[in-house]
Amino acid sequence: MSHYNIMKFITVALLFLLIFIEVLSEYFIKISITKDNLNYLYLGVFTYLLVGIIFYFYIKRGESFAVLNTIWQGANVVIIGLLSYFILKENLSYKQIMGMFVTLLGIILVNL
């Protein structure tokens, strides 16, 4: 595996880690409200701190802020929407579903 491929893999892995941790943070905060348990709130706040740290190192690697932010925020919208629907049993309107679809399309276009 070439040095370029290794760096690309690390970049993608950091991005996925960033997205996963942010989704986890938002999930903990939502659970803290529904279960009225501050421990989940503390977990949510702590994991959000990790988001900032990972974001710092990602940008420090010289990655494009515009591309990173588009992928990160777009993926967050879609994953949180799916998590809300399938795990938290929340309803999604037609407009919200179409919005997630358009968001995915935007992520694809930014990466072309």
PDB file of N, CA and C in Angstrom:
ATOM      1  N   MET A   1       0.853  -1.174   0.000  1.00  0.00           N
ATOM      2  CA  MET A   1       0.000   0.000   0.000  1.00  0.00           C
ATOM      3  C   MET A   1       0.898   1.237   0.000  1.00  0.00           C
ATOM      4  N   SER A   2       0.646   2.146  -0.899  1.00  0.00           N
ATOM      5  CA  SER A   2       1.484   3.338  -1.020  1.00  0.00           C
ATOM      6  C   SER A   2       1.204   4.317   0.118  1.00  0.00           C
ATOM      7  N   HIS A   3       2.133   5.255   0.286  1.00  0.00           N
ATOM      8  CA  HIS A   3       1.993   6.279   1.327  1.00  0.00           C
ATOM      9  C   HIS A   3       0.717   7.091   1.101  1.00  0.00           C
ATOM     10  N   TYR A   4       0.424   7.409  -0.151  1.00  0.00           N
ATOM     11  CA  TYR A   4      -0.785   8.173  -0.475  1.00  0.00           C
ATOM     12  C   TYR A   4      -2.042   7.421  -0.041  1.00  0.00           C
ATOM     13  N   ASN A   5      -2.091   6.117  -0.329  1.00  0.00           N
ATOM     14  CA  ASN A   5      -3.261   5.317   0.039  1.00  0.00           C
ATOM     15  C   ASN A   5      -3.421   5.206   1.550  1.00  0.00           C
ATOM     16  N   ILE A   6      -2.311   5.105   2.253  1.00  0.00           N
ATOM     17  CA  ILE A   6      -2.364   5.051   3.717  1.00  0.00           C
ATOM     18  C   ILE A   6      -2.911   6.362   4.269  1.00  0.00           C
ATOM     19  N   MET A   7      -2.431   7.486   3.731  1.00  0.00           N
ATOM     20  CA  MET A   7      -2.896   8.795   4.192  1.00  0.00           C
ATOM     21  C   MET A   7      -4.379   8.984   3.866  1.00  0.00           C
ATOM     22  N   LYS A   8      -4.784   8.525   2.705  1.00  0.00           N
ATOM     23  CA  LYS A   8      -6.197   8.622   2.314  1.00  0.00           C
ATOM     24  C   LYS A   8      -7.059   7.783   3.260  1.00  0.00           C
ATOM     25  N   PHE A   9      -6.579   6.598   3.595  1.00  0.00           N
ATOM     26  CA  PHE A   9      -7.303   5.730   4.521  1.00  0.00           C
ATOM     27  C   PHE A   9      -7.437   6.389   5.894  1.00  0.00           C
ATOM     28  N   ILE A  10      -6.357   6.980   6.388  1.00  0.00           N
ATOM     29  CA  ILE A  10      -6.388   7.661   7.687  1.00  0.00           C
ATOM     30  C   ILE A  10      -7.375   8.823   7.648  1.00  0.00           C
ATOM     31  N   THR A  11      -7.364   9.570   6.564  1.00  0.00           N
ATOM     32  CA  THR A  11      -8.280  10.701   6.416  1.00  0.00           C
ATOM     33  C   THR A  11      -9.734  10.237   6.461  1.00  0.00           C
ATOM     34  N   VAL A  12     -10.051   9.203   5.711  1.00  0.00           N
ATOM     35  CA  VAL A  12     -11.420   8.681   5.685  1.00  0.00           C
ATOM     36  C   VAL A  12     -11.794   8.103   7.050  1.00  0.00           C
ATOM     37  N   ALA A  13     -10.864   7.402   7.686  1.00  0.00           N
ATOM     38  CA  ALA A  13     -11.130   6.833   9.010  1.00  0.00           C
ATOM     39  C   ALA A  13     -11.413   7.932  10.034  1.00  0.00           C
ATOM     40  N   LEU A  14     -10.636   9.015   9.999  1.00  0.00           N
ATOM     41  CA  LEU A  14     -10.880  10.135  10.915  1.00  0.00           C
ATOM     42  C   LEU A  14     -12.246  10.760  10.670  1.00  0.00           C
ATOM     43  N   LEU A  15     -12.612  10.887   9.415  1.00  0.00           N
ATOM     44  CA  LEU A  15     -13.912  11.468   9.086  1.00  0.00           C
ATOM     45  C   LEU A  15     -15.045  10.591   9.609  1.00  0.00           C
ATOM     46  N   PHE A  16     -14.948   9.284   9.394  1.00  0.00           N
ATOM     47  CA  PHE A  16     -15.979   8.385   9.901  1.00  0.00           C
ATOM     48  C   PHE A  16     -16.033   8.401  11.424  1.00  0.00           C
ATOM     49  N   LEU A  17     -14.877   8.466  12.068  1.00  0.00           N
ATOM     50  CA  LEU A  17     -14.830   8.551  13.525  1.00  0.00           C
ATOM     51  C   LEU A  17     -15.505   9.833  14.000  1.00  0.00           C
ATOM     52  N   LEU A  18     -15.227  10.926  13.325  1.00  0.00           N
ATOM     53  CA  LEU A  18     -15.828  12.217  13.658  1.00  0.00           C
ATOM     54  C   LEU A  18     -17.353  12.148  13.551  1.00  0.00           C
ATOM     55  N   ILE A  19     -17.842  11.587  12.472  1.00  0.00           N
ATOM     56  CA  ILE A  19     -19.287  11.473  12.260  1.00  0.00           C
ATOM     57  C   ILE A  19     -19.906  10.556  13.313  1.00  0.00           C
ATOM     58  N   PHE A  20     -19.279   9.412  13.551  1.00  0.00           N
ATOM     59  CA  PHE A  20     -19.806   8.454  14.527  1.00  0.00           C
ATOM     60  C   PHE A  20     -19.897   9.068  15.921  1.00  0.00           C
ATOM     61  N   ILE A  21     -18.844   9.752  16.334  1.00  0.00           N
ATOM     62  CA  ILE A  21     -18.833  10.328  17.680  1.00  0.00           C
ATOM     63  C   ILE A  21     -19.862  11.446  17.802  1.00  0.00           C
ATOM     64  N   GLU A  22     -20.029  12.254  16.763  1.00  0.00           N
ATOM     65  CA  GLU A  22     -21.040  13.311  16.847  1.00  0.00           C
ATOM     66  C   GLU A  22     -22.446  12.723  16.915  1.00  0.00           C
ATOM     67  N   VAL A  23     -22.708  11.699  16.135  1.00  0.00           N
ATOM     68  CA  VAL A  23     -24.015  11.042  16.185  1.00  0.00           C
ATOM     69  C   VAL A  23     -24.240  10.443  17.573  1.00  0.00           C
ATOM     70  N   LEU A  24     -23.221   9.818  18.120  1.00  0.00           N
ATOM     71  CA  LEU A  24     -23.305   9.250  19.461  1.00  0.00           C
ATOM     72  C   LEU A  24     -23.587  10.341  20.496  1.00  0.00           C
ATOM     73  N   SER A  25     -22.934  11.478  20.354  1.00  0.00           N
ATOM     74  CA  SER A  25     -23.151  12.606  21.267  1.00  0.00           C
ATOM     75  C   SER A  25     -24.604  13.057  21.241  1.00  0.00           C
ATOM     76  N   GLU A  26     -25.130  13.236  20.052  1.00  0.00           N
ATOM     77  CA  GLU A  26     -26.510  13.688  19.925  1.00  0.00           C
ATOM     78  C   GLU A  26     -27.487  12.645  20.457  1.00  0.00           C
ATOM     79  N   TYR A  27     -27.164  11.383  20.254  1.00  0.00           N
ATOM     80  CA  TYR A  27     -28.005  10.301  20.784  1.00  0.00           C
ATOM     81  C   TYR A  27     -28.024  10.342  22.312  1.00  0.00           C
ATOM     82  N   PHE A  28     -26.852  10.485  22.932  1.00  0.00           N
ATOM     83  CA  PHE A  28     -26.789  10.557  24.393  1.00  0.00           C
ATOM     84  C   PHE A  28     -27.598  11.736  24.930  1.00  0.00           C
ATOM     85  N   ILE A  29     -27.491  12.871  24.266  1.00  0.00           N
ATOM     86  CA  ILE A  29     -28.229  14.052  24.723  1.00  0.00           C
ATOM     87  C   ILE A  29     -29.738  13.818  24.597  1.00  0.00           C
ATOM     88  N   LYS A  30     -30.170  13.211  23.510  1.00  0.00           N
ATOM     89  CA  LYS A  30     -31.597  12.903  23.331  1.00  0.00           C
ATOM     90  C   LYS A  30     -32.070  11.928  24.412  1.00  0.00           C
ATOM     91  N   ILE A  31     -31.289  10.897  24.690  1.00  0.00           N
ATOM     92  CA  ILE A  31     -31.649   9.913  25.709  1.00  0.00           C
ATOM     93  C   ILE A  31     -31.698  10.559  27.089  1.00  0.00           C
ATOM     94  N   SER A  32     -30.805  11.517  27.345  1.00  0.00           N
ATOM     95  CA  SER A  32     -30.808  12.184  28.656  1.00  0.00           C
ATOM     96  C   SER A  32     -32.129  12.910  28.900  1.00  0.00           C
ATOM     97  N   ILE A  33     -32.756  13.373  27.836  1.00  0.00           N
ATOM     98  CA  ILE A  33     -34.041  14.067  27.966  1.00  0.00           C
ATOM     99  C   ILE A  33     -35.174  13.056  28.144  1.00  0.00           C
ATOM    100  N   THR A  34     -35.193  12.015  27.330  1.00  0.00           N
ATOM    101  CA  THR A  34     -36.299  11.058  27.392  1.00  0.00           C
ATOM    102  C   THR A  34     -36.252  10.201  28.653  1.00  0.00           C
ATOM    103  N   LYS A  35     -35.062   9.918  29.167  1.00  0.00           N
ATOM    104  CA  LYS A  35     -34.937   9.099  30.376  1.00  0.00           C
ATOM    105  C   LYS A  35     -34.744   9.952  31.625  1.00  0.00           C
ATOM    106  N   ASP A  36     -34.647  11.274  31.450  1.00  0.00           N
ATOM    107  CA  ASP A  36     -34.434  12.206  32.561  1.00  0.00           C
ATOM    108  C   ASP A  36     -33.247  11.757  33.422  1.00  0.00           C
ATOM    109  N   ASN A  37     -32.119  11.513  32.742  1.00  0.00           N
ATOM    110  CA  ASN A  37     -30.922  11.014  33.406  1.00  0.00           C
ATOM    111  C   ASN A  37     -29.736  11.880  32.991  1.00  0.00           C
ATOM    112  N   LEU A  38     -29.163  12.593  33.950  1.00  0.00           N
ATOM    113  CA  LEU A  38     -28.061  13.502  33.638  1.00  0.00           C
ATOM    114  C   LEU A  38     -26.779  12.778  33.228  1.00  0.00           C
ATOM    115  N   ASN A  39     -26.634  11.510  33.583  1.00  0.00           N
ATOM    116  CA  ASN A  39     -25.429  10.776  33.178  1.00  0.00           C
ATOM    117  C   ASN A  39     -25.305  10.724  31.654  1.00  0.00           C
ATOM    118  N   TYR A  40     -26.427  10.563  30.969  1.00  0.00           N
ATOM    119  CA  TYR A  40     -26.400  10.571  29.507  1.00  0.00           C
ATOM    120  C   TYR A  40     -26.029  11.950  28.968  1.00  0.00           C
ATOM    121  N   LEU A  41     -26.488  12.988  29.649  1.00  0.00           N
ATOM    122  CA  LEU A  41     -26.115  14.342  29.246  1.00  0.00           C
ATOM    123  C   LEU A  41     -24.607  14.535  29.375  1.00  0.00           C
ATOM    124  N   TYR A  42     -24.027  14.073  30.475  1.00  0.00           N
ATOM    125  CA  TYR A  42     -22.576  14.185  30.670  1.00  0.00           C
ATOM    126  C   TYR A  42     -21.821  13.425  29.582  1.00  0.00           C
ATOM    127  N   LEU A  43     -22.308  12.226  29.239  1.00  0.00           N
ATOM    128  CA  LEU A  43     -21.685  11.457  28.149  1.00  0.00           C
ATOM    129  C   LEU A  43     -21.778  12.216  26.829  1.00  0.00           C
ATOM    130  N   GLY A  44     -22.929  12.824  26.579  1.00  0.00           N
ATOM    131  CA  GLY A  44     -23.113  13.593  25.350  1.00  0.00           C
ATOM    132  C   GLY A  44     -22.168  14.772  25.267  1.00  0.00           C
ATOM    133  N   VAL A  45     -22.027  15.501  26.361  1.00  0.00           N
ATOM    134  CA  VAL A  45     -21.126  16.660  26.384  1.00  0.00           C
ATOM    135  C   VAL A  45     -19.676  16.210  26.227  1.00  0.00           C
ATOM    136  N   PHE A  46     -19.294  15.135  26.913  1.00  0.00           N
ATOM    137  CA  PHE A  46     -17.923  14.636  26.811  1.00  0.00           C
ATOM    138  C   PHE A  46     -17.605  14.179  25.388  1.00  0.00           C
ATOM    139  N   THR A  47     -18.532  13.463  24.771  1.00  0.00           N
ATOM    140  CA  THR A  47     -18.251  12.992  23.413  1.00  0.00           C
ATOM    141  C   THR A  47     -18.227  14.145  22.415  1.00  0.00           C
ATOM    142  N   TYR A  48     -18.987  15.217  22.685  1.00  0.00           N
ATOM    143  CA  TYR A  48     -18.880  16.406  21.833  1.00  0.00           C
ATOM    144  C   TYR A  48     -17.499  17.038  21.953  1.00  0.00           C
ATOM    145  N   LEU A  49     -16.907  16.960  23.120  1.00  0.00           N
ATOM    146  CA  LEU A  49     -15.538  17.445  23.295  1.00  0.00           C
ATOM    147  C   LEU A  49     -14.592  16.657  22.387  1.00  0.00           C
ATOM    148  N   LEU A  50     -14.815  15.354  22.289  1.00  0.00           N
ATOM    149  CA  LEU A  50     -13.992  14.527  21.402  1.00  0.00           C
ATOM    150  C   LEU A  50     -14.151  14.947  19.943  1.00  0.00           C
ATOM    151  N   VAL A  51     -15.345  15.373  19.567  1.00  0.00           N
ATOM    152  CA  VAL A  51     -15.583  15.853  18.197  1.00  0.00           C
ATOM    153  C   VAL A  51     -14.646  17.014  17.892  1.00  0.00           C
ATOM    154  N   GLY A  52     -14.551  17.959  18.814  1.00  0.00           N
ATOM    155  CA  GLY A  52     -13.668  19.109  18.622  1.00  0.00           C
ATOM    156  C   GLY A  52     -12.214  18.709  18.482  1.00  0.00           C
ATOM    157  N   ILE A  53     -11.784  17.753  19.278  1.00  0.00           N
ATOM    158  CA  ILE A  53     -10.393  17.293  19.229  1.00  0.00           C
ATOM    159  C   ILE A  53     -10.107  16.601  17.898  1.00  0.00           C
ATOM    160  N   ILE A  54     -10.992  15.714  17.478  1.00  0.00           N
ATOM    161  CA  ILE A  54     -10.798  15.014  16.202  1.00  0.00           C
ATOM    162  C   ILE A  54     -10.834  16.007  15.048  1.00  0.00           C
ATOM    163  N   PHE A  55     -11.757  16.959  15.088  1.00  0.00           N
ATOM    164  CA  PHE A  55     -11.851  17.987  14.056  1.00  0.00           C
ATOM    165  C   PHE A  55     -10.541  18.764  13.960  1.00  0.00           C
ATOM    166  N   TYR A  56      -9.969  19.113  15.092  1.00  0.00           N
ATOM    167  CA  TYR A  56      -8.697  19.840  15.128  1.00  0.00           C
ATOM    168  C   TYR A  56      -7.608  19.058  14.388  1.00  0.00           C
ATOM    169  N   PHE A  57      -7.469  17.781  14.705  1.00  0.00           N
ATOM    170  CA  PHE A  57      -6.421  16.984  14.071  1.00  0.00           C
ATOM    171  C   PHE A  57      -6.695  16.755  12.590  1.00  0.00           C
ATOM    172  N   TYR A  58      -7.944  16.653  12.226  1.00  0.00           N
ATOM    173  CA  TYR A  58      -8.298  16.474  10.820  1.00  0.00           C
ATOM    174  C   TYR A  58      -7.882  17.699  10.017  1.00  0.00           C
ATOM    175  N   ILE A  59      -8.220  18.879  10.520  1.00  0.00           N
ATOM    176  CA  ILE A  59      -7.864  20.123   9.830  1.00  0.00           C
ATOM    177  C   ILE A  59      -6.350  20.331   9.852  1.00  0.00           C
ATOM    178  N   LYS A  60      -5.713  19.945  10.940  1.00  0.00           N
ATOM    179  CA  LYS A  60      -4.257  20.099  11.053  1.00  0.00           C
ATOM    180  C   LYS A  60      -3.528  19.279   9.985  1.00  0.00           C
ATOM    181  N   ARG A  61      -4.145  18.204   9.528  1.00  0.00           N
ATOM    182  CA  ARG A  61      -3.545  17.366   8.484  1.00  0.00           C
ATOM    183  C   ARG A  61      -3.555  18.069   7.130  1.00  0.00           C
ATOM    184  N   GLY A  62      -4.210  19.226   7.051  1.00  0.00           N
ATOM    185  CA  GLY A  62      -4.225  19.977   5.804  1.00  0.00           C
ATOM    186  C   GLY A  62      -5.392  19.637   4.902  1.00  0.00           C
ATOM    187  N   GLU A  63      -6.395  18.991   5.453  1.00  0.00           N
ATOM    188  CA  GLU A  63      -7.557  18.624   4.652  1.00  0.00           C
ATOM    189  C   GLU A  63      -8.405  19.859   4.356  1.00  0.00           C
ATOM    190  N   SER A  64      -9.143  19.807   3.282  1.00  0.00           N
ATOM    191  CA  SER A  64     -10.001  20.914   2.872  1.00  0.00           C
ATOM    192  C   SER A  64     -11.149  21.087   3.865  1.00  0.00           C
ATOM    193  N   PHE A  65     -11.228  22.271   4.442  1.00  0.00           N
ATOM    194  CA  PHE A  65     -12.284  22.564   5.408  1.00  0.00           C
ATOM    195  C   PHE A  65     -13.658  22.497   4.753  1.00  0.00           C
ATOM    196  N   ALA A  66     -13.783  23.013   3.549  1.00  0.00           N
ATOM    197  CA  ALA A  66     -15.079  23.040   2.861  1.00  0.00           C
ATOM    198  C   ALA A  66     -15.594  21.627   2.592  1.00  0.00           C
ATOM    199  N   VAL A  67     -14.720  20.765   2.091  1.00  0.00           N
ATOM    200  CA  VAL A  67     -15.129  19.394   1.788  1.00  0.00           C
ATOM    201  C   VAL A  67     -15.431  18.643   3.079  1.00  0.00           C
ATOM    202  N   LEU A  68     -14.551  18.789   4.065  1.00  0.00           N
ATOM    203  CA  LEU A  68     -14.760  18.117   5.347  1.00  0.00           C
ATOM    204  C   LEU A  68     -16.101  18.510   5.947  1.00  0.00           C
ATOM    205  N   ASN A  69     -16.363  19.789   6.013  1.00  0.00           N
ATOM    206  CA  ASN A  69     -17.582  20.262   6.656  1.00  0.00           C
ATOM    207  C   ASN A  69     -18.825  19.804   5.903  1.00  0.00           C
ATOM    208  N   THR A  70     -18.767  19.785   4.587  1.00  0.00           N
ATOM    209  CA  THR A  70     -19.911  19.325   3.799  1.00  0.00           C
ATOM    210  C   THR A  70     -20.208  17.856   4.076  1.00  0.00           C
ATOM    211  N   ILE A  71     -19.178  17.030   4.031  1.00  0.00           N
ATOM    212  CA  ILE A  71     -19.374  15.598   4.281  1.00  0.00           C
ATOM    213  C   ILE A  71     -19.838  15.370   5.713  1.00  0.00           C
ATOM    214  N   TRP A  72     -19.160  16.021   6.651  1.00  0.00           N
ATOM    215  CA  TRP A  72     -19.447  15.843   8.071  1.00  0.00           C
ATOM    216  C   TRP A  72     -20.883  16.237   8.401  1.00  0.00           C
ATOM    217  N   GLN A  73     -21.285  17.436   8.018  1.00  0.00           N
ATOM    218  CA  GLN A  73     -22.623  17.914   8.358  1.00  0.00           C
ATOM    219  C   GLN A  73     -23.705  17.157   7.592  1.00  0.00           C
ATOM    220  N   GLY A  74     -23.427  16.863   6.326  1.00  0.00           N
ATOM    221  CA  GLY A  74     -24.408  16.126   5.534  1.00  0.00           C
ATOM    222  C   GLY A  74     -24.637  14.725   6.068  1.00  0.00           C
ATOM    223  N   ALA A  75     -23.551  14.039   6.361  1.00  0.00           N
ATOM    224  CA  ALA A  75     -23.672  12.686   6.906  1.00  0.00           C
ATOM    225  C   ALA A  75     -24.380  12.718   8.254  1.00  0.00           C
ATOM    226  N   ASN A  76     -24.091  13.733   9.042  1.00  0.00           N
ATOM    227  CA  ASN A  76     -24.742  13.870  10.343  1.00  0.00           C
ATOM    228  C   ASN A  76     -26.257  14.016  10.187  1.00  0.00           C
ATOM    229  N   VAL A  77     -26.694  14.824   9.238  1.00  0.00           N
ATOM    230  CA  VAL A  77     -28.132  15.018   9.000  1.00  0.00           C
ATOM    231  C   VAL A  77     -28.795  13.692   8.635  1.00  0.00           C
ATOM    232  N   VAL A  78     -28.186  12.963   7.728  1.00  0.00           N
ATOM    233  CA  VAL A  78     -28.774  11.708   7.258  1.00  0.00           C
ATOM    234  C   VAL A  78     -28.760  10.649   8.360  1.00  0.00           C
ATOM    235  N   ILE A  79     -27.632  10.483   9.028  1.00  0.00           N
ATOM    236  CA  ILE A  79     -27.526   9.443  10.056  1.00  0.00           C
ATOM    237  C   ILE A  79     -28.447   9.740  11.236  1.00  0.00           C
ATOM    238  N   ILE A  80     -28.493  10.997  11.678  1.00  0.00           N
ATOM    239  CA  ILE A  80     -29.389  11.349  12.783  1.00  0.00           C
ATOM    240  C   ILE A  80     -30.844  11.132  12.368  1.00  0.00           C
ATOM    241  N   GLY A  81     -31.179  11.463  11.136  1.00  0.00           N
ATOM    242  CA  GLY A  81     -32.537  11.218  10.650  1.00  0.00           C
ATOM    243  C   GLY A  81     -32.894   9.740  10.682  1.00  0.00           C
ATOM    244  N   LEU A  82     -31.982   8.905  10.203  1.00  0.00           N
ATOM    245  CA  LEU A  82     -32.222   7.459  10.204  1.00  0.00           C
ATOM    246  C   LEU A  82     -32.265   6.893  11.618  1.00  0.00           C
ATOM    247  N   LEU A  83     -31.362   7.348  12.465  1.00  0.00           N
ATOM    248  CA  LEU A  83     -31.340   6.916  13.863  1.00  0.00           C
ATOM    249  C   LEU A  83     -32.643   7.306  14.562  1.00  0.00           C
ATOM    250  N   SER A  84     -33.091   8.518  14.318  1.00  0.00           N
ATOM    251  CA  SER A  84     -34.343   8.987  14.924  1.00  0.00           C
ATOM    252  C   SER A  84     -35.523   8.131  14.479  1.00  0.00           C
ATOM    253  N   TYR A  85     -35.530   7.768  13.219  1.00  0.00           N
ATOM    254  CA  TYR A  85     -36.640   6.981  12.684  1.00  0.00           C
ATOM    255  C   TYR A  85     -36.607   5.530  13.177  1.00  0.00           C
ATOM    256  N   PHE A  86     -35.447   4.873  13.024  1.00  0.00           N
ATOM    257  CA  PHE A  86     -35.372   3.441  13.312  1.00  0.00           C
ATOM    258  C   PHE A  86     -35.171   3.112  14.793  1.00  0.00           C
ATOM    259  N   ILE A  87     -34.414   3.912  15.513  1.00  0.00           N
ATOM    260  CA  ILE A  87     -34.116   3.602  16.916  1.00  0.00           C
ATOM    261  C   ILE A  87     -35.074   4.334  17.862  1.00  0.00           C
ATOM    262  N   LEU A  88     -35.249   5.631  17.637  1.00  0.00           N
ATOM    263  CA  LEU A  88     -36.070   6.434  18.543  1.00  0.00           C
ATOM    264  C   LEU A  88     -37.544   6.448  18.151  1.00  0.00           C
ATOM    265  N   LYS A  89     -37.863   5.807  17.010  1.00  0.00           N
ATOM    266  CA  LYS A  89     -39.248   5.671  16.538  1.00  0.00           C
ATOM    267  C   LYS A  89     -39.941   7.016  16.304  1.00  0.00           C
ATOM    268  N   GLU A  90     -39.176   8.012  15.868  1.00  0.00           N
ATOM    269  CA  GLU A  90     -39.753   9.310  15.523  1.00  0.00           C
ATOM    270  C   GLU A  90     -40.227   9.274  14.074  1.00  0.00           C
ATOM    271  N   ASN A  91     -41.220  10.068  13.764  1.00  0.00           N
ATOM    272  CA  ASN A  91     -41.746  10.135  12.400  1.00  0.00           C
ATOM    273  C   ASN A  91     -40.938  11.122  11.563  1.00  0.00           C
ATOM    274  N   LEU A  92     -40.776  10.795  10.288  1.00  0.00           N
ATOM    275  CA  LEU A  92     -40.135  11.700   9.336  1.00  0.00           C
ATOM    276  C   LEU A  92     -41.161  12.064   8.268  1.00  0.00           C
ATOM    277  N   SER A  93     -41.251  13.341   7.969  1.00  0.00           N
ATOM    278  CA  SER A  93     -42.177  13.781   6.926  1.00  0.00           C
ATOM    279  C   SER A  93     -41.556  13.519   5.550  1.00  0.00           C
ATOM    280  N   TYR A  94     -42.379  13.631   4.539  1.00  0.00           N
ATOM    281  CA  TYR A  94     -41.905  13.479   3.162  1.00  0.00           C
ATOM    282  C   TYR A  94     -40.808  14.506   2.866  1.00  0.00           C
ATOM    283  N   LYS A  95     -41.007  15.745   3.326  1.00  0.00           N
ATOM    284  CA  LYS A  95     -40.008  16.798   3.100  1.00  0.00           C
ATOM    285  C   LYS A  95     -38.684  16.460   3.779  1.00  0.00           C
ATOM    286  N   GLN A  96     -38.741  15.904   4.976  1.00  0.00           N
ATOM    287  CA  GLN A  96     -37.513  15.536   5.674  1.00  0.00           C
ATOM    288  C   GLN A  96     -36.779  14.413   4.947  1.00  0.00           C
ATOM    289  N   ILE A  97     -37.522  13.438   4.474  1.00  0.00           N
ATOM    290  CA  ILE A  97     -36.911  12.331   3.725  1.00  0.00           C
ATOM    291  C   ILE A  97     -36.279  12.854   2.438  1.00  0.00           C
ATOM    292  N   MET A  98     -36.991  13.715   1.729  1.00  0.00           N
ATOM    293  CA  MET A  98     -36.440  14.302   0.502  1.00  0.00           C
ATOM    294  C   MET A  98     -35.218  15.166   0.822  1.00  0.00           C
ATOM    295  N   GLY A  99     -35.252  15.869   1.941  1.00  0.00           N
ATOM    296  CA  GLY A  99     -34.102  16.670   2.361  1.00  0.00           C
ATOM    297  C   GLY A  99     -32.877  15.811   2.604  1.00  0.00           C
ATOM    298  N   MET A 100     -33.069  14.644   3.214  1.00  0.00           N
ATOM    299  CA  MET A 100     -31.937  13.733   3.435  1.00  0.00           C
ATOM    300  C   MET A 100     -31.406  13.212   2.100  1.00  0.00           C
ATOM    301  N   PHE A 101     -32.310  12.927   1.167  1.00  0.00           N
ATOM    302  CA  PHE A 101     -31.895  12.465  -0.155  1.00  0.00           C
ATOM    303  C   PHE A 101     -31.069  13.537  -0.867  1.00  0.00           C
ATOM    304  N   VAL A 102     -31.546  14.777  -0.829  1.00  0.00           N
ATOM    305  CA  VAL A 102     -30.819  15.886  -1.464  1.00  0.00           C
ATOM    306  C   VAL A 102     -29.467  16.096  -0.778  1.00  0.00           C
ATOM    307  N   THR A 103     -29.426  15.928   0.544  1.00  0.00           N
ATOM    308  CA  THR A 103     -28.167  16.045   1.284  1.00  0.00           C
ATOM    309  C   THR A 103     -27.167  15.000   0.801  1.00  0.00           C
ATOM    310  N   LEU A 104     -27.628  13.761   0.640  1.00  0.00           N
ATOM    311  CA  LEU A 104     -26.741  12.706   0.117  1.00  0.00           C
ATOM    312  C   LEU A 104     -26.235  13.054  -1.275  1.00  0.00           C
ATOM    313  N   LEU A 105     -27.109  13.584  -2.099  1.00  0.00           N
ATOM    314  CA  LEU A 105     -26.714  14.000  -3.443  1.00  0.00           C
ATOM    315  C   LEU A 105     -25.645  15.089  -3.366  1.00  0.00           C
ATOM    316  N   GLY A 106     -25.807  16.031  -2.453  1.00  0.00           N
ATOM    317  CA  GLY A 106     -24.818  17.092  -2.264  1.00  0.00           C
ATOM    318  C   GLY A 106     -23.464  16.549  -1.845  1.00  0.00           C
ATOM    319  N   ILE A 107     -23.459  15.575  -0.950  1.00  0.00           N
ATOM    320  CA  ILE A 107     -22.199  14.960  -0.519  1.00  0.00           C
ATOM    321  C   ILE A 107     -21.505  14.312  -1.710  1.00  0.00           C
ATOM    322  N   ILE A 108     -22.271  13.620  -2.529  1.00  0.00           N
ATOM    323  CA  ILE A 108     -21.697  12.965  -3.713  1.00  0.00           C
ATOM    324  C   ILE A 108     -21.115  14.004  -4.666  1.00  0.00           C
ATOM    325  N   LEU A 109     -21.851  15.074  -4.913  1.00  0.00           N
ATOM    326  CA  LEU A 109     -21.382  16.108  -5.850  1.00  0.00           C
ATOM    327  C   LEU A 109     -20.120  16.806  -5.354  1.00  0.00           C
ATOM    328  N   VAL A 110     -20.024  17.055  -4.065  1.00  0.00           N
ATOM    329  CA  VAL A 110     -18.834  17.715  -3.512  1.00  0.00           C
ATOM    330  C   VAL A 110     -17.597  16.841  -3.685  1.00  0.00           C
ATOM    331  N   ASN A 111     -17.785  15.535  -3.699  1.00  0.00           N
ATOM    332  CA  ASN A 111     -16.648  14.618  -3.787  1.00  0.00           C
ATOM    333  C   ASN A 111     -16.272  14.222  -5.205  1.00  0.00           C
ATOM    334  N   LEU A 112     -16.991  14.712  -6.205  1.00  0.00           N
ATOM    335  CA  LEU A 112     -16.646  14.370  -7.597  1.00  0.00           C
ATOM    336  C   LEU A 112     -15.436  15.133  -8.066  1.00  0.00           C
TER     337      LEU A 112
END
